[in-house]
Amino acid sequence: MSKKILIADDEQNIVISVEFLMKREGYAVSVAADGDEALAKIRAEKPDLVLLDVMMPKKNGFEVCQDVRSDPALAGVRILMLTARGRDTEVAKGMALGADGYMTKPFSTRDLVEKVRELLG
């Protein structure tokens, strides 16, 4: 059974390219355009990995990450933060909130695929 990935990002051009890339790698992909939708889909679908943008409408990625980590039913969900905000303080915040990885935009597709493979074991 293929692993499930949720892409949570409000930038359509990023969603389209990342979705294409992940499907090409054989993953089942779903998409959320804001933090509330991301959280609802994480709870409903229990994806293996969430590619989570930090700056999104309704709830930001940090809040979504915190909500997921505070829910024992979602303990198995891996989170990779994908964001244009790459300052050390933001990386540290994401990791402190329980993210499994952090990549700054723009990122190379090869690096993203490698990181996803690593997180999904």
C-alpha atoms as a PDB file:
ATOM      1  CA  MET A   1       0.000   0.000   0.000  1.00  0.00           C
ATOM      2  CA  SER A   2       1.402   3.389  -0.928  1.00  0.00           C
ATOM      3  CA  LYS A   3       2.142   5.930   1.757  1.00  0.00           C
ATOM      4  CA  LYS A   4      -0.241   8.883   2.119  1.00  0.00           C
ATOM      5  CA  ILE A   5       1.030  12.454   1.954  1.00  0.00           C
ATOM      6  CA  LEU A   6      -0.945  15.611   2.690  1.00  0.00           C
ATOM      7  CA  ILE A   7       0.329  18.809   1.094  1.00  0.00           C
ATOM      8  CA  ALA A   8      -0.813  21.810   3.143  1.00  0.00           C
ATOM      9  CA  ASP A   9       0.075  25.012   1.294  1.00  0.00           C
ATOM     10  CA  ASP A  10      -1.883  28.018   0.049  1.00  0.00           C
ATOM     11  CA  GLU A  11       0.434  28.679  -2.924  1.00  0.00           C
ATOM     12  CA  GLN A  12      -1.204  26.861  -5.842  1.00  0.00           C
ATOM     13  CA  ASN A  13       1.943  26.718  -7.980  1.00  0.00           C
ATOM     14  CA  ILE A  14       3.859  24.952  -5.202  1.00  0.00           C
ATOM     15  CA  VAL A  15       0.975  22.549  -4.551  1.00  0.00           C
ATOM     16  CA  ILE A  16       0.775  21.584  -8.229  1.00  0.00           C
ATOM     17  CA  SER A  17       4.498  20.884  -8.587  1.00  0.00           C
ATOM     18  CA  VAL A  18       4.890  19.071  -5.254  1.00  0.00           C
ATOM     19  CA  GLU A  19       1.723  17.031  -5.856  1.00  0.00           C
ATOM     20  CA  PHE A  20       3.016  15.970  -9.288  1.00  0.00           C
ATOM     21  CA  LEU A  21       6.402  15.073  -7.812  1.00  0.00           C
ATOM     22  CA  MET A  22       4.967  12.999  -4.946  1.00  0.00           C
ATOM     23  CA  LYS A  23       2.511  11.140  -7.215  1.00  0.00           C
ATOM     24  CA  ARG A  24       5.371  10.387  -9.612  1.00  0.00           C
ATOM     25  CA  GLU A  25       7.231   8.861  -6.650  1.00  0.00           C
ATOM     26  CA  GLY A  26       4.237   6.589  -6.027  1.00  0.00           C
ATOM     27  CA  TYR A  27       2.639   8.304  -3.031  1.00  0.00           C
ATOM     28  CA  ALA A  28      -1.096   8.855  -2.532  1.00  0.00           C
ATOM     29  CA  VAL A  29      -1.566  12.626  -2.259  1.00  0.00           C
ATOM     30  CA  SER A  30      -4.228  14.929  -0.870  1.00  0.00           C
ATOM     31  CA  VAL A  31      -4.153  18.713  -0.585  1.00  0.00           C
ATOM     32  CA  ALA A  32      -5.263  21.383   1.893  1.00  0.00           C
ATOM     33  CA  ALA A  33      -5.209  25.124   1.181  1.00  0.00           C
ATOM     34  CA  ASP A  34      -5.315  26.466   4.741  1.00  0.00           C
ATOM     35  CA  GLY A  35      -4.548  25.419   8.297  1.00  0.00           C
ATOM     36  CA  ASP A  36      -8.105  24.505   9.287  1.00  0.00           C
ATOM     37  CA  GLU A  37      -8.548  22.300   6.211  1.00  0.00           C
ATOM     38  CA  ALA A  38      -5.134  20.721   6.862  1.00  0.00           C
ATOM     39  CA  LEU A  39      -6.056  19.814  10.426  1.00  0.00           C
ATOM     40  CA  ALA A  40      -9.427  18.385   9.363  1.00  0.00           C
ATOM     41  CA  LYS A  41      -7.777  16.237   6.659  1.00  0.00           C
ATOM     42  CA  ILE A  42      -5.012  15.083   9.011  1.00  0.00           C
ATOM     43  CA  ARG A  43      -7.636  13.901  11.510  1.00  0.00           C
ATOM     44  CA  ALA A  44      -9.809  12.266   8.830  1.00  0.00           C
ATOM     45  CA  GLU A  45      -7.128  10.698   6.618  1.00  0.00           C
ATOM     46  CA  LYS A  46      -4.238  10.101   9.062  1.00  0.00           C
ATOM     47  CA  PRO A  47      -1.576  10.657   6.386  1.00  0.00           C
ATOM     48  CA  ASP A  48       1.881   9.162   6.875  1.00  0.00           C
ATOM     49  CA  LEU A  49       3.464  12.560   6.189  1.00  0.00           C
ATOM     50  CA  VAL A  50       2.307  16.177   6.068  1.00  0.00           C
ATOM     51  CA  LEU A  51       4.237  18.677   3.955  1.00  0.00           C
ATOM     52  CA  LEU A  52       3.263  21.748   5.928  1.00  0.00           C
ATOM     53  CA  ASP A  53       3.680  25.380   4.909  1.00  0.00           C
ATOM     54  CA  VAL A  54       4.171  27.816   7.798  1.00  0.00           C
ATOM     55  CA  MET A  55       2.380  30.864   6.368  1.00  0.00           C
ATOM     56  CA  MET A  56      -1.217  29.830   5.604  1.00  0.00           C
ATOM     57  CA  PRO A  57      -4.644  31.384   6.166  1.00  0.00           C
ATOM     58  CA  LYS A  58      -6.813  30.503   9.196  1.00  0.00           C
ATOM     59  CA  LYS A  59      -4.165  28.541  11.115  1.00  0.00           C
ATOM     60  CA  ASN A  60      -0.460  28.787  10.430  1.00  0.00           C
ATOM     61  CA  GLY A  61       1.764  25.732  10.096  1.00  0.00           C
ATOM     62  CA  PHE A  62       3.178  26.120  13.600  1.00  0.00           C
ATOM     63  CA  GLU A  63      -0.343  25.974  15.069  1.00  0.00           C
ATOM     64  CA  VAL A  64      -1.257  22.952  12.936  1.00  0.00           C
ATOM     65  CA  CYS A  65       1.941  21.184  13.992  1.00  0.00           C
ATOM     66  CA  GLN A  66       1.234  21.915  17.649  1.00  0.00           C
ATOM     67  CA  ASP A  67      -2.364  20.651  17.354  1.00  0.00           C
ATOM     68  CA  VAL A  68      -1.220  17.432  15.657  1.00  0.00           C
ATOM     69  CA  ARG A  69       1.474  16.798  18.262  1.00  0.00           C
ATOM     70  CA  SER A  70      -0.969  17.349  21.134  1.00  0.00           C
ATOM     71  CA  ASP A  71      -3.331  14.650  19.776  1.00  0.00           C
ATOM     72  CA  PRO A  72      -2.209  11.116  20.770  1.00  0.00           C
ATOM     73  CA  ALA A  73      -4.328   9.627  17.956  1.00  0.00           C
ATOM     74  CA  LEU A  74      -2.037  11.388  15.450  1.00  0.00           C
ATOM     75  CA  ALA A  75       1.263  10.300  16.999  1.00  0.00           C
ATOM     76  CA  GLY A  76       2.306   8.410  13.852  1.00  0.00           C
ATOM     77  CA  VAL A  77       1.936  11.393  11.515  1.00  0.00           C
ATOM     78  CA  ARG A  78       5.294  12.777  10.347  1.00  0.00           C
ATOM     79  CA  ILE A  79       5.554  16.509   9.652  1.00  0.00           C
ATOM     80  CA  LEU A  80       7.939  18.227   7.255  1.00  0.00           C
ATOM     81  CA  MET A  81       7.705  22.006   7.426  1.00  0.00           C
ATOM     82  CA  LEU A  82       8.131  23.658   4.013  1.00  0.00           C
ATOM     83  CA  THR A  83       8.497  27.393   4.219  1.00  0.00           C
ATOM     84  CA  ALA A  84      10.060  30.535   2.866  1.00  0.00           C
ATOM     85  CA  ARG A  85      10.794  31.477   6.482  1.00  0.00           C
ATOM     86  CA  GLY A  86      14.186  29.948   7.078  1.00  0.00           C
ATOM     87  CA  ARG A  87      15.632  31.964   9.922  1.00  0.00           C
ATOM     88  CA  ASP A  88      17.242  29.887  12.660  1.00  0.00           C
ATOM     89  CA  THR A  89      14.591  30.952  15.176  1.00  0.00           C
ATOM     90  CA  GLU A  90      11.800  29.694  12.919  1.00  0.00           C
ATOM     91  CA  VAL A  91      13.552  26.394  12.236  1.00  0.00           C
ATOM     92  CA  ALA A  92      14.096  25.975  15.985  1.00  0.00           C
ATOM     93  CA  LYS A  93      10.432  26.800  16.677  1.00  0.00           C
ATOM     94  CA  GLY A  94       9.199  24.266  14.122  1.00  0.00           C
ATOM     95  CA  MET A  95      11.445  21.542  15.514  1.00  0.00           C
ATOM     96  CA  ALA A  96      10.520  22.430  19.116  1.00  0.00           C
ATOM     97  CA  LEU A  97       6.827  22.090  18.236  1.00  0.00           C
ATOM     98  CA  GLY A  98       7.474  18.576  17.003  1.00  0.00           C
ATOM     99  CA  ALA A  99       8.190  18.833  13.277  1.00  0.00           C
ATOM    100  CA  ASP A 100      10.237  15.913  11.957  1.00  0.00           C
ATOM    101  CA  GLY A 101      12.035  18.073   9.417  1.00  0.00           C
ATOM    102  CA  TYR A 102      12.275  21.599   8.030  1.00  0.00           C
ATOM    103  CA  MET A 103      13.002  22.702   4.456  1.00  0.00           C
ATOM    104  CA  THR A 104      13.153  26.258   3.209  1.00  0.00           C
ATOM    105  CA  LYS A 105      11.720  27.420  -0.117  1.00  0.00           C
ATOM    106  CA  PRO A 106      12.943  27.413  -2.743  1.00  0.00           C
ATOM    107  CA  PHE A 107      14.082  23.809  -2.402  1.00  0.00           C
ATOM    108  CA  SER A 108      15.349  21.371  -4.993  1.00  0.00           C
ATOM    109  CA  THR A 109      12.907  18.640  -5.958  1.00  0.00           C
ATOM    110  CA  ARG A 110      15.638  16.048  -5.473  1.00  0.00           C
ATOM    111  CA  ASP A 111      16.265  17.244  -1.897  1.00  0.00           C
ATOM    112  CA  LEU A 112      12.539  17.127  -1.176  1.00  0.00           C
ATOM    113  CA  VAL A 113      12.161  13.585  -2.529  1.00  0.00           C
ATOM    114  CA  GLU A 114      15.184  12.441  -0.508  1.00  0.00           C
ATOM    115  CA  LYS A 115      13.823  14.023   2.686  1.00  0.00           C
ATOM    116  CA  VAL A 116      10.359  12.481   2.147  1.00  0.00           C
ATOM    117  CA  ARG A 117      11.922   9.032   1.587  1.00  0.00           C
ATOM    118  CA  GLU A 118      14.027   9.455   4.715  1.00  0.00           C
ATOM    119  CA  LEU A 119      11.028  10.471   6.856  1.00  0.00           C
ATOM    120  CA  LEU A 120       8.862   7.646   5.558  1.00  0.00           C
ATOM    121  CA  GLY A 121      11.613   5.091   6.058  1.00  0.00           C
END
